[in-house]
PDB file of all heavy atoms in Angstrom:
ATOM      1  N   PRO A   1      27.734  -3.929  41.858  1.00  0.00           N
ATOM      2  CA  PRO A   1      28.982  -3.450  42.484  1.00  0.00           C
ATOM      3  C   PRO A   1      29.035  -3.691  43.997  1.00  0.00           C
ATOM      4  O   PRO A   1      30.064  -4.069  44.527  1.00  0.00           O
ATOM      5  CB  PRO A   1      28.982  -1.950  42.185  1.00  0.00           C
ATOM      6  CG  PRO A   1      28.139  -1.802  40.972  1.00  0.00           C
ATOM      7  CD  PRO A   1      27.090  -2.868  41.079  1.00  0.00           C
ATOM      8  N   LEU A   2      27.904  -3.496  44.669  1.00  0.00           N
ATOM      9  CA  LEU A   2      27.874  -3.738  46.113  1.00  0.00           C
ATOM     10  C   LEU A   2      27.757  -5.215  46.424  1.00  0.00           C
ATOM     11  O   LEU A   2      28.355  -5.699  47.379  1.00  0.00           O
ATOM     12  CB  LEU A   2      26.698  -2.992  46.757  1.00  0.00           C
ATOM     13  CG  LEU A   2      26.973  -1.581  47.217  1.00  0.00           C
ATOM     14  CD1 LEU A   2      25.719  -0.952  47.798  1.00  0.00           C
ATOM     15  CD2 LEU A   2      28.083  -1.508  48.210  1.00  0.00           C
ATOM     16  N   LYS A   3      26.993  -5.927  45.651  1.00  0.00           N
ATOM     17  CA  LYS A   3      26.776  -7.352  45.897  1.00  0.00           C
ATOM     18  C   LYS A   3      28.104  -8.100  45.942  1.00  0.00           C
ATOM     19  O   LYS A   3      28.333  -8.907  46.833  1.00  0.00           O
ATOM     20  CB  LYS A   3      25.858  -7.939  44.825  1.00  0.00           C
ATOM     21  CG  LYS A   3      25.295  -9.295  45.165  1.00  0.00           C
ATOM     22  CD  LYS A   3      24.441  -9.798  44.020  1.00  0.00           C
ATOM     23  CE  LYS A   3      23.030  -9.997  44.457  1.00  0.00           C
ATOM     24  NZ  LYS A   3      22.184 -10.564  43.414  1.00  0.00           N
ATOM     25  N   SER A   4      28.999  -7.805  45.005  1.00  0.00           N
ATOM     26  CA  SER A   4      30.285  -8.499  44.981  1.00  0.00           C
ATOM     27  C   SER A   4      31.184  -8.073  46.147  1.00  0.00           C
ATOM     28  O   SER A   4      31.980  -8.860  46.637  1.00  0.00           O
ATOM     29  CB  SER A   4      30.991  -8.282  43.644  1.00  0.00           C
ATOM     30  OG  SER A   4      31.260  -6.916  43.448  1.00  0.00           O
ATOM     31  N   GLN A   5      31.059  -6.823  46.624  1.00  0.00           N
ATOM     32  CA  GLN A   5      31.854  -6.329  47.752  1.00  0.00           C
ATOM     33  C   GLN A   5      31.436  -6.954  49.073  1.00  0.00           C
ATOM     34  O   GLN A   5      32.272  -7.175  49.938  1.00  0.00           O
ATOM     35  CB  GLN A   5      31.697  -4.818  47.910  1.00  0.00           C
ATOM     36  CG  GLN A   5      32.550  -3.889  47.125  1.00  0.00           C
ATOM     37  CD  GLN A   5      34.025  -3.982  47.379  1.00  0.00           C
ATOM     38  OE1 GLN A   5      34.702  -4.532  46.551  1.00  0.00           O
ATOM     39  NE2 GLN A   5      34.530  -3.448  48.458  1.00  0.00           N
ATOM     40  N   ILE A   6      30.153  -7.191  49.254  1.00  0.00           N
ATOM     41  CA  ILE A   6      29.653  -7.578  50.577  1.00  0.00           C
ATOM     42  C   ILE A   6      29.377  -9.069  50.745  1.00  0.00           C
ATOM     43  O   ILE A   6      28.976  -9.485  51.811  1.00  0.00           O
ATOM     44  CB  ILE A   6      28.372  -6.797  50.936  1.00  0.00           C
ATOM     45  CG1 ILE A   6      27.228  -7.170  49.998  1.00  0.00           C
ATOM     46  CG2 ILE A   6      28.625  -5.314  50.955  1.00  0.00           C
ATOM     47  CD1 ILE A   6      25.883  -6.685  50.440  1.00  0.00           C
ATOM     48  N   LYS A   7      29.625  -9.852  49.715  1.00  0.00           N
ATOM     49  CA  LYS A   7      29.225 -11.257  49.777  1.00  0.00           C
ATOM     50  C   LYS A   7      29.769 -11.992  51.003  1.00  0.00           C
ATOM     51  O   LYS A   7      29.120 -12.884  51.519  1.00  0.00           O
ATOM     52  CB  LYS A   7      29.602 -11.982  48.501  1.00  0.00           C
ATOM     53  CG  LYS A   7      31.078 -12.060  48.233  1.00  0.00           C
ATOM     54  CD  LYS A   7      31.355 -12.712  46.905  1.00  0.00           C
ATOM     55  CE  LYS A   7      32.856 -12.599  46.621  1.00  0.00           C
ATOM     56  NZ  LYS A   7      33.153 -12.920  45.266  1.00  0.00           N
ATOM     57  N   ASN A   8      30.922 -11.605  51.519  1.00  0.00           N
ATOM     58  CA  ASN A   8      31.498 -12.266  52.697  1.00  0.00           C
ATOM     59  C   ASN A   8      31.082 -11.611  54.013  1.00  0.00           C
ATOM     60  O   ASN A   8      31.506 -12.044  55.066  1.00  0.00           O
ATOM     61  CB  ASN A   8      33.024 -12.272  52.593  1.00  0.00           C
ATOM     62  CG  ASN A   8      33.511 -13.102  51.431  1.00  0.00           C
ATOM     63  OD1 ASN A   8      32.906 -14.111  51.081  1.00  0.00           O
ATOM     64  ND2 ASN A   8      34.593 -12.674  50.824  1.00  0.00           N
ATOM     65  N   TYR A   9      30.288 -10.550  53.935  1.00  0.00           N
ATOM     66  CA  TYR A   9      29.940  -9.793  55.135  1.00  0.00           C
ATOM     67  C   TYR A   9      28.444  -9.660  55.335  1.00  0.00           C
ATOM     68  O   TYR A   9      27.979  -8.664  55.866  1.00  0.00           O
ATOM     69  CB  TYR A   9      30.575  -8.394  55.082  1.00  0.00           C
ATOM     70  CG  TYR A   9      32.076  -8.452  54.978  1.00  0.00           C
ATOM     71  CD1 TYR A   9      32.709  -8.276  53.767  1.00  0.00           C
ATOM     72  CD2 TYR A   9      32.843  -8.709  56.099  1.00  0.00           C
ATOM     73  CE1 TYR A   9      34.094  -8.344  53.671  1.00  0.00           C
ATOM     74  CE2 TYR A   9      34.224  -8.784  56.013  1.00  0.00           C
ATOM     75  CZ  TYR A   9      34.839  -8.602  54.794  1.00  0.00           C
ATOM     76  OH  TYR A   9      36.194  -8.676  54.710  1.00  0.00           O
ATOM     77  N   LEU A  10      27.691 -10.627  54.911  1.00  0.00           N
ATOM     78  CA  LEU A  10      26.242 -10.574  55.078  1.00  0.00           C
ATOM     79  C   LEU A  10      25.846 -11.124  56.434  1.00  0.00           C
ATOM     80  O   LEU A  10      26.329 -12.168  56.862  1.00  0.00           O
ATOM     81  CB  LEU A  10      25.543 -11.377  53.974  1.00  0.00           C
ATOM     82  CG  LEU A  10      25.650 -10.811  52.569  1.00  0.00           C
ATOM     83  CD1 LEU A  10      24.994 -11.761  51.583  1.00  0.00           C
ATOM     84  CD2 LEU A  10      25.011  -9.449  52.479  1.00  0.00           C
ATOM     85  N   PHE A  11      24.961 -10.416  57.099  1.00  0.00           N
ATOM     86  CA  PHE A  11      24.419 -10.861  58.372  1.00  0.00           C
ATOM     87  C   PHE A  11      22.912 -10.855  58.268  1.00  0.00           C
ATOM     88  O   PHE A  11      22.326  -9.836  57.906  1.00  0.00           O
ATOM     89  CB  PHE A  11      24.830  -9.921  59.523  1.00  0.00           C
ATOM     90  CG  PHE A  11      26.294  -9.903  59.799  1.00  0.00           C
ATOM     91  CD1 PHE A  11      27.101  -8.940  59.235  1.00  0.00           C
ATOM     92  CD2 PHE A  11      26.852 -10.855  60.616  1.00  0.00           C
ATOM     93  CE1 PHE A  11      28.451  -8.913  59.489  1.00  0.00           C
ATOM     94  CE2 PHE A  11      28.207 -10.847  60.870  1.00  0.00           C
ATOM     95  CZ  PHE A  11      29.013  -9.875  60.309  1.00  0.00           C
ATOM     96  N   LYS A  12      22.308 -11.968  58.582  1.00  0.00           N
ATOM     97  CA  LYS A  12      20.853 -11.997  58.645  1.00  0.00           C
ATOM     98  C   LYS A  12      20.476 -11.493  60.029  1.00  0.00           C
ATOM     99  O   LYS A  12      20.852 -12.076  61.036  1.00  0.00           O
ATOM    100  CB  LYS A  12      20.326 -13.412  58.417  1.00  0.00           C
ATOM    101  CG  LYS A  12      20.590 -13.886  57.011  1.00  0.00           C
ATOM    102  CD  LYS A  12      20.013 -15.250  56.785  1.00  0.00           C
ATOM    103  CE  LYS A  12      20.294 -15.654  55.349  1.00  0.00           C
ATOM    104  NZ  LYS A  12      19.782 -16.964  55.047  1.00  0.00           N
ATOM    105  N   THR A  13      19.775 -10.399  60.058  1.00  0.00           N
ATOM    106  CA  THR A  13      19.529  -9.741  61.337  1.00  0.00           C
ATOM    107  C   THR A  13      18.305 -10.245  62.075  1.00  0.00           C
ATOM    108  O   THR A  13      18.078  -9.841  63.195  1.00  0.00           O
ATOM    109  CB  THR A  13      19.402  -8.218  61.141  1.00  0.00           C
ATOM    110  OG1 THR A  13      18.360  -7.971  60.219  1.00  0.00           O
ATOM    111  CG2 THR A  13      20.696  -7.634  60.651  1.00  0.00           C
ATOM    112  N   ASP A  14      17.538 -11.129  61.452  1.00  0.00           N
ATOM    113  CA  ASP A  14      16.373 -11.605  62.186  1.00  0.00           C
ATOM    114  C   ASP A  14      16.787 -12.495  63.352  1.00  0.00           C
ATOM    115  O   ASP A  14      16.159 -12.496  64.387  1.00  0.00           O
ATOM    116  CB  ASP A  14      15.382 -12.317  61.257  1.00  0.00           C
ATOM    117  CG  ASP A  14      16.008 -13.447  60.469  1.00  0.00           C
ATOM    118  OD1 ASP A  14      17.239 -13.555  60.423  1.00  0.00           O
ATOM    119  OD2 ASP A  14      15.262 -14.235  59.882  1.00  0.00           O
ATOM    120  N   VAL A  15      17.864 -13.247  63.208  1.00  0.00           N
ATOM    121  CA  VAL A  15      18.391 -14.058  64.294  1.00  0.00           C
ATOM    122  C   VAL A  15      19.912 -13.976  64.227  1.00  0.00           C
ATOM    123  O   VAL A  15      20.543 -14.630  63.420  1.00  0.00           O
ATOM    124  CB  VAL A  15      17.932 -15.539  64.179  1.00  0.00           C
ATOM    125  CG1 VAL A  15      18.501 -16.361  65.314  1.00  0.00           C
ATOM    126  CG2 VAL A  15      16.427 -15.638  64.163  1.00  0.00           C
ATOM    127  N   LEU A  16      20.476 -13.142  65.063  1.00  0.00           N
ATOM    128  CA  LEU A  16      21.916 -12.963  65.099  1.00  0.00           C
ATOM    129  C   LEU A  16      22.487 -13.923  66.134  1.00  0.00           C
ATOM    130  O   LEU A  16      22.081 -13.898  67.292  1.00  0.00           O
ATOM    131  CB  LEU A  16      22.237 -11.511  65.489  1.00  0.00           C
ATOM    132  CG  LEU A  16      23.664 -11.033  65.375  1.00  0.00           C
ATOM    133  CD1 LEU A  16      24.104 -11.026  63.913  1.00  0.00           C
ATOM    134  CD2 LEU A  16      23.791  -9.632  65.938  1.00  0.00           C
ATOM    135  N   THR A  17      23.413 -14.783  65.723  1.00  0.00           N
ATOM    136  CA  THR A  17      24.027 -15.719  66.665  1.00  0.00           C
ATOM    137  C   THR A  17      25.146 -15.026  67.432  1.00  0.00           C
ATOM    138  O   THR A  17      25.607 -13.949  67.041  1.00  0.00           O
ATOM    139  CB  THR A  17      24.621 -16.938  65.929  1.00  0.00           C
ATOM    140  OG1 THR A  17      25.736 -16.504  65.143  1.00  0.00           O
ATOM    141  CG2 THR A  17      23.577 -17.620  65.054  1.00  0.00           C
ATOM    142  N   GLU A  18      25.600 -15.660  68.499  1.00  0.00           N
ATOM    143  CA  GLU A  18      26.715 -15.105  69.269  1.00  0.00           C
ATOM    144  C   GLU A  18      27.939 -14.917  68.389  1.00  0.00           C
ATOM    145  O   GLU A  18      28.601 -13.891  68.449  1.00  0.00           O
ATOM    146  CB  GLU A  18      27.091 -16.044  70.431  1.00  0.00           C
ATOM    147  CG  GLU A  18      26.334 -15.808  71.678  1.00  0.00           C
ATOM    148  CD  GLU A  18      26.858 -16.649  72.836  1.00  0.00           C
ATOM    149  OE1 GLU A  18      28.022 -17.128  72.795  1.00  0.00           O
ATOM    150  OE2 GLU A  18      26.094 -16.815  73.787  1.00  0.00           O
ATOM    151  N   GLN A  19      28.248 -15.927  67.584  1.00  0.00           N
ATOM    152  CA  GLN A  19      29.428 -15.853  66.718  1.00  0.00           C
ATOM    153  C   GLN A  19      29.293 -14.735  65.683  1.00  0.00           C
ATOM    154  O   GLN A  19      30.265 -14.045  65.384  1.00  0.00           O
ATOM    155  CB  GLN A  19      29.679 -17.201  66.035  1.00  0.00           C
ATOM    156  CG  GLN A  19      30.160 -18.269  66.984  1.00  0.00           C
ATOM    157  CD  GLN A  19      31.384 -17.836  67.792  1.00  0.00           C
ATOM    158  OE1 GLN A  19      32.366 -17.347  67.237  1.00  0.00           O
ATOM    159  NE2 GLN A  19      31.327 -17.995  69.104  1.00  0.00           N
ATOM    160  N   GLU A  20      28.085 -14.548  65.138  1.00  0.00           N
ATOM    161  CA  GLU A  20      27.861 -13.454  64.188  1.00  0.00           C
ATOM    162  C   GLU A  20      28.002 -12.108  64.883  1.00  0.00           C
ATOM    163  O   GLU A  20      28.537 -11.162  64.305  1.00  0.00           O
ATOM    164  CB  GLU A  20      26.479 -13.573  63.547  1.00  0.00           C
ATOM    165  CG  GLU A  20      26.357 -14.710  62.562  1.00  0.00           C
ATOM    166  CD  GLU A  20      24.939 -14.926  62.078  1.00  0.00           C
ATOM    167  OE1 GLU A  20      23.986 -14.661  62.836  1.00  0.00           O
ATOM    168  OE2 GLU A  20      24.784 -15.385  60.938  1.00  0.00           O
ATOM    169  N   ALA A  21      27.536 -12.017  66.120  1.00  0.00           N
ATOM    170  CA  ALA A  21      27.654 -10.772  66.884  1.00  0.00           C
ATOM    171  C   ALA A  21      29.125 -10.439  67.118  1.00  0.00           C
ATOM    172  O   ALA A  21      29.556  -9.301  66.917  1.00  0.00           O
ATOM    173  CB  ALA A  21      26.914 -10.892  68.210  1.00  0.00           C
ATOM    174  N   ILE A  22      29.906 -11.429  67.504  1.00  0.00           N
ATOM    175  CA  ILE A  22      31.337 -11.220  67.731  1.00  0.00           C
ATOM    176  C   ILE A  22      32.011 -10.800  66.429  1.00  0.00           C
ATOM    177  O   ILE A  22      32.782  -9.833  66.397  1.00  0.00           O
ATOM    178  CB  ILE A  22      31.980 -12.493  68.319  1.00  0.00           C
ATOM    179  CG1 ILE A  22      31.469 -12.728  69.746  1.00  0.00           C
ATOM    180  CG2 ILE A  22      33.512 -12.393  68.289  1.00  0.00           C
ATOM    181  CD1 ILE A  22      31.785 -14.094  70.306  1.00  0.00           C
ATOM    182  N   LYS A  23      31.700 -11.510  65.350  1.00  0.00           N
ATOM    183  CA  LYS A  23      32.296 -11.202  64.050  1.00  0.00           C
ATOM    184  C   LYS A  23      31.910  -9.796  63.590  1.00  0.00           C
ATOM    185  O   LYS A  23      32.743  -9.046  63.078  1.00  0.00           O
ATOM    186  CB  LYS A  23      31.844 -12.242  63.021  1.00  0.00           C
ATOM    187  CG  LYS A  23      32.488 -12.094  61.672  1.00  0.00           C
ATOM    188  CD  LYS A  23      32.029 -13.201  60.735  1.00  0.00           C
ATOM    189  CE  LYS A  23      32.588 -12.995  59.340  1.00  0.00           C
ATOM    190  NZ  LYS A  23      32.100 -14.002  58.396  1.00  0.00           N
ATOM    191  N   LEU A  24      30.652  -9.426  63.798  1.00  0.00           N
ATOM    192  CA  LEU A  24      30.177  -8.101  63.421  1.00  0.00           C
ATOM    193  C   LEU A  24      30.960  -7.013  64.147  1.00  0.00           C
ATOM    194  O   LEU A  24      31.476  -6.087  63.531  1.00  0.00           O
ATOM    195  CB  LEU A  24      28.680  -7.971  63.718  1.00  0.00           C
ATOM    196  CG  LEU A  24      28.061  -6.592  63.561  1.00  0.00           C
ATOM    197  CD1 LEU A  24      28.084  -6.149  62.101  1.00  0.00           C
ATOM    198  CD2 LEU A  24      26.630  -6.580  64.095  1.00  0.00           C
ATOM    199  N   ILE A  25      31.067  -7.147  65.457  1.00  0.00           N
ATOM    200  CA  ILE A  25      31.755  -6.124  66.257  1.00  0.00           C
ATOM    201  C   ILE A  25      33.245  -6.093  65.934  1.00  0.00           C
ATOM    202  O   ILE A  25      33.824  -5.016  65.742  1.00  0.00           O
ATOM    203  CB  ILE A  25      31.519  -6.344  67.766  1.00  0.00           C
ATOM    204  CG1 ILE A  25      30.022  -6.244  68.102  1.00  0.00           C
ATOM    205  CG2 ILE A  25      32.347  -5.366  68.593  1.00  0.00           C
ATOM    206  CD1 ILE A  25      29.345  -4.956  67.680  1.00  0.00           C
TER     207      ILE A  25
END
């Protein structure tokens, strides 16, 4: 149930890029 909800919102936190940081916020 969660896997299908979050598939477009996954962030790998070991190396967050600038674009991922902007998208996250």
